[in-house]
Amino acid sequence: MTTANDGSNSTTATNESERTALSYRDAGVDIDAGNALVENIKAVTKRTHRPEVMSQIGGFGALCEIPAGYTQPVLVSATDGVGP
């Protein structure tokens, strides 16, 4: 890592292999398969929807209202990952 004149950090590749960008596919991630999985589980996730849920399927998180007794709480749960 090197420090630029403005104080920010930058990385300098030292050989050809470090300059080659890695794609999701190169890393073993199949985006099309992931998208197909989401389509396949939409019906299942819809059946779990409750009045407390404040969002729909998609994105990387969900909002869920917490029952009375708390001062305006909101539960945020998330799941995200790549790879097998």
N, C-alpha and C. Protein backbone atom coordinates (compact mmCIF):
# COMPACT_ATOMS: atom_id res chain seq x y z
N MET A 1 0.84 -1.17 0.00
CA MET A 1 0.00 0.00 0.00
C MET A 1 0.89 1.23 0.00
N THR A 2 0.48 2.21 -0.77
CA THR A 2 1.23 3.46 -0.82
C THR A 2 0.34 4.60 -0.37
N THR A 3 0.93 5.68 0.06
CA THR A 3 0.17 6.85 0.47
C THR A 3 0.36 7.94 -0.56
N ALA A 4 -0.73 8.44 -1.11
CA ALA A 4 -0.67 9.51 -2.11
C ALA A 4 -0.38 10.83 -1.43
N ASN A 5 -0.03 11.83 -2.24
CA ASN A 5 0.29 13.15 -1.69
C ASN A 5 -0.85 13.75 -0.88
N ASP A 6 -2.10 13.38 -1.22
CA ASP A 6 -3.23 13.95 -0.49
C ASP A 6 -3.53 13.18 0.80
N GLY A 7 -2.72 12.18 1.12
CA GLY A 7 -2.89 11.41 2.35
C GLY A 7 -3.77 10.18 2.20
N SER A 8 -4.40 10.00 1.03
CA SER A 8 -5.25 8.84 0.84
C SER A 8 -4.39 7.62 0.53
N ASN A 9 -4.94 6.44 0.78
CA ASN A 9 -4.22 5.20 0.52
C ASN A 9 -4.58 4.67 -0.86
N SER A 10 -3.64 4.08 -1.54
CA SER A 10 -3.90 3.43 -2.82
C SER A 10 -3.05 2.17 -2.88
N THR A 11 -3.51 1.22 -3.69
CA THR A 11 -2.78 -0.04 -3.83
C THR A 11 -2.15 -0.08 -5.21
N THR A 12 -0.92 -0.51 -5.28
CA THR A 12 -0.20 -0.62 -6.55
C THR A 12 0.09 -2.09 -6.81
N ALA A 13 -0.35 -2.59 -7.99
CA ALA A 13 -0.08 -3.98 -8.34
C ALA A 13 1.39 -4.15 -8.67
N THR A 14 1.97 -5.25 -8.19
CA THR A 14 3.40 -5.47 -8.42
C THR A 14 3.67 -6.49 -9.52
N ASN A 15 2.65 -7.27 -9.92
CA ASN A 15 2.85 -8.20 -11.02
C ASN A 15 1.54 -8.36 -11.79
N GLU A 16 1.61 -9.02 -12.93
CA GLU A 16 0.46 -9.15 -13.83
C GLU A 16 -0.73 -9.81 -13.15
N SER A 17 -0.53 -10.84 -12.34
CA SER A 17 -1.66 -11.54 -11.73
C SER A 17 -2.43 -10.64 -10.77
N GLU A 18 -1.77 -9.69 -10.16
CA GLU A 18 -2.46 -8.77 -9.26
C GLU A 18 -3.28 -7.74 -10.02
N ARG A 19 -2.97 -7.52 -11.28
CA ARG A 19 -3.69 -6.53 -12.09
C ARG A 19 -4.92 -7.12 -12.75
N THR A 20 -5.08 -8.42 -12.74
CA THR A 20 -6.21 -9.07 -13.38
C THR A 20 -7.40 -9.07 -12.43
N ALA A 21 -8.49 -8.47 -12.86
CA ALA A 21 -9.70 -8.43 -12.04
C ALA A 21 -10.35 -9.80 -12.01
N LEU A 22 -10.89 -10.17 -10.88
CA LEU A 22 -11.58 -11.44 -10.71
C LEU A 22 -13.08 -11.20 -10.81
N SER A 23 -13.76 -11.98 -11.61
CA SER A 23 -15.21 -11.83 -11.73
C SER A 23 -15.90 -12.77 -10.74
N TYR A 24 -17.20 -12.54 -10.51
CA TYR A 24 -17.96 -13.45 -9.66
C TYR A 24 -17.88 -14.87 -10.22
N ARG A 25 -18.05 -15.01 -11.54
CA ARG A 25 -18.01 -16.34 -12.17
C ARG A 25 -16.65 -17.00 -11.93
N ASP A 26 -15.56 -16.24 -12.07
CA ASP A 26 -14.22 -16.78 -11.81
C ASP A 26 -14.08 -17.26 -10.37
N ALA A 27 -14.83 -16.63 -9.46
CA ALA A 27 -14.76 -17.00 -8.05
C ALA A 27 -15.72 -18.14 -7.71
N GLY A 28 -16.46 -18.64 -8.72
CA GLY A 28 -17.37 -19.76 -8.48
C GLY A 28 -18.80 -19.34 -8.18
N VAL A 29 -19.13 -18.09 -8.41
CA VAL A 29 -20.48 -17.60 -8.14
C VAL A 29 -21.28 -17.60 -9.43
N ASP A 30 -22.46 -18.22 -9.40
CA ASP A 30 -23.34 -18.26 -10.56
C ASP A 30 -24.52 -17.33 -10.30
N ILE A 31 -24.46 -16.13 -10.82
CA ILE A 31 -25.50 -15.12 -10.57
C ILE A 31 -26.84 -15.58 -11.15
N ASP A 32 -26.82 -16.22 -12.31
CA ASP A 32 -28.07 -16.69 -12.90
C ASP A 32 -28.74 -17.73 -12.00
N ALA A 33 -27.96 -18.62 -11.42
CA ALA A 33 -28.52 -19.62 -10.50
C ALA A 33 -29.08 -18.95 -9.25
N GLY A 34 -28.41 -17.92 -8.77
CA GLY A 34 -28.91 -17.18 -7.61
C GLY A 34 -30.23 -16.49 -7.92
N ASN A 35 -30.32 -15.89 -9.08
CA ASN A 35 -31.58 -15.24 -9.49
C ASN A 35 -32.69 -16.26 -9.65
N ALA A 36 -32.37 -17.43 -10.19
CA ALA A 36 -33.37 -18.49 -10.34
C ALA A 36 -33.86 -18.96 -8.97
N LEU A 37 -32.95 -19.07 -8.01
CA LEU A 37 -33.34 -19.47 -6.65
C LEU A 37 -34.33 -18.46 -6.06
N VAL A 38 -34.05 -17.18 -6.22
CA VAL A 38 -34.95 -16.15 -5.69
C VAL A 38 -36.34 -16.31 -6.31
N GLU A 39 -36.40 -16.52 -7.62
CA GLU A 39 -37.70 -16.73 -8.27
C GLU A 39 -38.41 -17.95 -7.70
N ASN A 40 -37.66 -19.01 -7.43
CA ASN A 40 -38.25 -20.25 -6.92
C ASN A 40 -38.75 -20.13 -5.49
N ILE A 41 -38.17 -19.26 -4.68
CA ILE A 41 -38.58 -19.18 -3.27
C ILE A 41 -39.56 -18.04 -3.00
N LYS A 42 -39.90 -17.25 -4.01
CA LYS A 42 -40.83 -16.14 -3.79
C LYS A 42 -42.16 -16.61 -3.20
N ALA A 43 -42.72 -17.68 -3.74
CA ALA A 43 -44.01 -18.18 -3.24
C ALA A 43 -43.90 -18.64 -1.79
N VAL A 44 -42.80 -19.29 -1.45
CA VAL A 44 -42.59 -19.76 -0.07
C VAL A 44 -42.47 -18.57 0.88
N THR A 45 -41.69 -17.58 0.50
CA THR A 45 -41.50 -16.43 1.38
C THR A 45 -42.77 -15.62 1.53
N LYS A 46 -43.59 -15.56 0.49
CA LYS A 46 -44.87 -14.84 0.58
C LYS A 46 -45.76 -15.44 1.66
N ARG A 47 -45.73 -16.75 1.80
CA ARG A 47 -46.56 -17.42 2.80
C ARG A 47 -46.14 -17.08 4.22
N THR A 48 -44.92 -16.61 4.41
CA THR A 48 -44.45 -16.26 5.76
C THR A 48 -44.70 -14.80 6.11
N HIS A 49 -45.24 -14.03 5.16
CA HIS A 49 -45.46 -12.60 5.39
C HIS A 49 -46.51 -12.40 6.47
N ARG A 50 -46.21 -11.53 7.40
CA ARG A 50 -47.12 -11.21 8.51
C ARG A 50 -47.35 -9.70 8.54
N PRO A 51 -48.37 -9.25 9.26
CA PRO A 51 -48.64 -7.81 9.33
C PRO A 51 -47.46 -6.99 9.87
N GLU A 52 -46.62 -7.60 10.70
CA GLU A 52 -45.48 -6.88 11.28
C GLU A 52 -44.36 -6.63 10.28
N VAL A 53 -44.35 -7.37 9.20
CA VAL A 53 -43.28 -7.24 8.19
C VAL A 53 -43.51 -5.97 7.39
N MET A 54 -42.47 -5.15 7.30
CA MET A 54 -42.58 -3.83 6.68
C MET A 54 -41.91 -3.77 5.31
N SER A 55 -41.59 -4.91 4.70
CA SER A 55 -40.91 -4.90 3.42
C SER A 55 -41.31 -6.14 2.62
N GLN A 56 -40.85 -6.20 1.39
CA GLN A 56 -41.11 -7.34 0.51
C GLN A 56 -39.79 -8.04 0.23
N ILE A 57 -39.85 -9.15 -0.51
CA ILE A 57 -38.64 -9.87 -0.87
C ILE A 57 -37.77 -8.99 -1.77
N GLY A 58 -36.48 -9.09 -1.57
CA GLY A 58 -35.55 -8.31 -2.36
C GLY A 58 -34.56 -7.59 -1.46
N GLY A 59 -33.54 -7.08 -2.05
CA GLY A 59 -32.54 -6.38 -1.26
C GLY A 59 -31.77 -7.33 -0.37
N PHE A 60 -31.12 -6.78 0.64
CA PHE A 60 -30.28 -7.58 1.51
C PHE A 60 -30.75 -7.58 2.95
N GLY A 61 -31.93 -7.09 3.19
CA GLY A 61 -32.41 -7.03 4.57
C GLY A 61 -33.92 -6.96 4.59
N ALA A 62 -34.48 -7.04 5.78
CA ALA A 62 -35.92 -6.95 5.96
C ALA A 62 -36.20 -6.16 7.23
N LEU A 63 -37.33 -5.51 7.24
CA LEU A 63 -37.75 -4.76 8.42
C LEU A 63 -38.97 -5.44 9.02
N CYS A 64 -38.99 -5.54 10.32
CA CYS A 64 -40.10 -6.18 11.01
C CYS A 64 -40.41 -5.39 12.28
N GLU A 65 -41.67 -5.03 12.43
CA GLU A 65 -42.10 -4.27 13.60
C GLU A 65 -42.04 -5.17 14.84
N ILE A 66 -41.59 -4.62 15.96
CA ILE A 66 -41.54 -5.34 17.23
C ILE A 66 -42.85 -5.05 17.98
N PRO A 67 -43.42 -6.05 18.65
CA PRO A 67 -44.68 -5.84 19.38
C PRO A 67 -44.59 -4.73 20.43
N ALA A 68 -45.75 -4.28 20.87
CA ALA A 68 -45.86 -3.21 21.86
C ALA A 68 -45.03 -3.52 23.10
N GLY A 69 -44.68 -2.47 23.82
CA GLY A 69 -43.87 -2.62 25.02
C GLY A 69 -42.48 -2.04 24.84
N TYR A 70 -42.12 -1.77 23.61
CA TYR A 70 -40.83 -1.15 23.30
C TYR A 70 -41.11 0.25 22.75
N THR A 71 -40.14 1.11 22.79
CA THR A 71 -40.30 2.46 22.26
C THR A 71 -39.91 2.50 20.79
N GLN A 72 -40.86 2.37 19.89
CA GLN A 72 -40.70 2.40 18.44
C GLN A 72 -39.54 1.55 17.91
N PRO A 73 -39.46 0.31 18.29
CA PRO A 73 -38.37 -0.53 17.77
C PRO A 73 -38.67 -1.04 16.36
N VAL A 74 -37.64 -1.33 15.63
CA VAL A 74 -37.74 -1.99 14.33
C VAL A 74 -36.60 -3.00 14.27
N LEU A 75 -36.94 -4.24 14.00
CA LEU A 75 -35.94 -5.30 13.87
C LEU A 75 -35.49 -5.36 12.41
N VAL A 76 -34.21 -5.32 12.18
CA VAL A 76 -33.66 -5.45 10.83
C VAL A 76 -32.87 -6.75 10.78
N SER A 77 -33.25 -7.63 9.88
CA SER A 77 -32.50 -8.87 9.70
C SER A 77 -31.98 -8.89 8.27
N ALA A 78 -30.84 -9.50 8.09
CA ALA A 78 -30.24 -9.51 6.76
C ALA A 78 -29.54 -10.83 6.50
N THR A 79 -29.50 -11.18 5.25
CA THR A 79 -28.71 -12.32 4.82
C THR A 79 -28.13 -11.98 3.45
N ASP A 80 -26.89 -12.27 3.28
CA ASP A 80 -26.23 -11.99 2.01
C ASP A 80 -24.99 -12.86 1.94
N GLY A 81 -24.67 -13.30 0.78
CA GLY A 81 -23.45 -14.07 0.64
C GLY A 81 -23.24 -14.44 -0.81
N VAL A 82 -22.03 -14.72 -1.14
CA VAL A 82 -21.71 -15.17 -2.49
C VAL A 82 -20.89 -16.44 -2.38
N GLY A 83 -20.97 -17.22 -3.40
CA GLY A 83 -20.17 -18.44 -3.43
C GLY A 83 -20.99 -19.66 -3.07
N PRO A 84 -20.38 -20.81 -3.23
CA PRO A 84 -21.08 -22.07 -2.98
C PRO A 84 -21.31 -22.31 -1.50
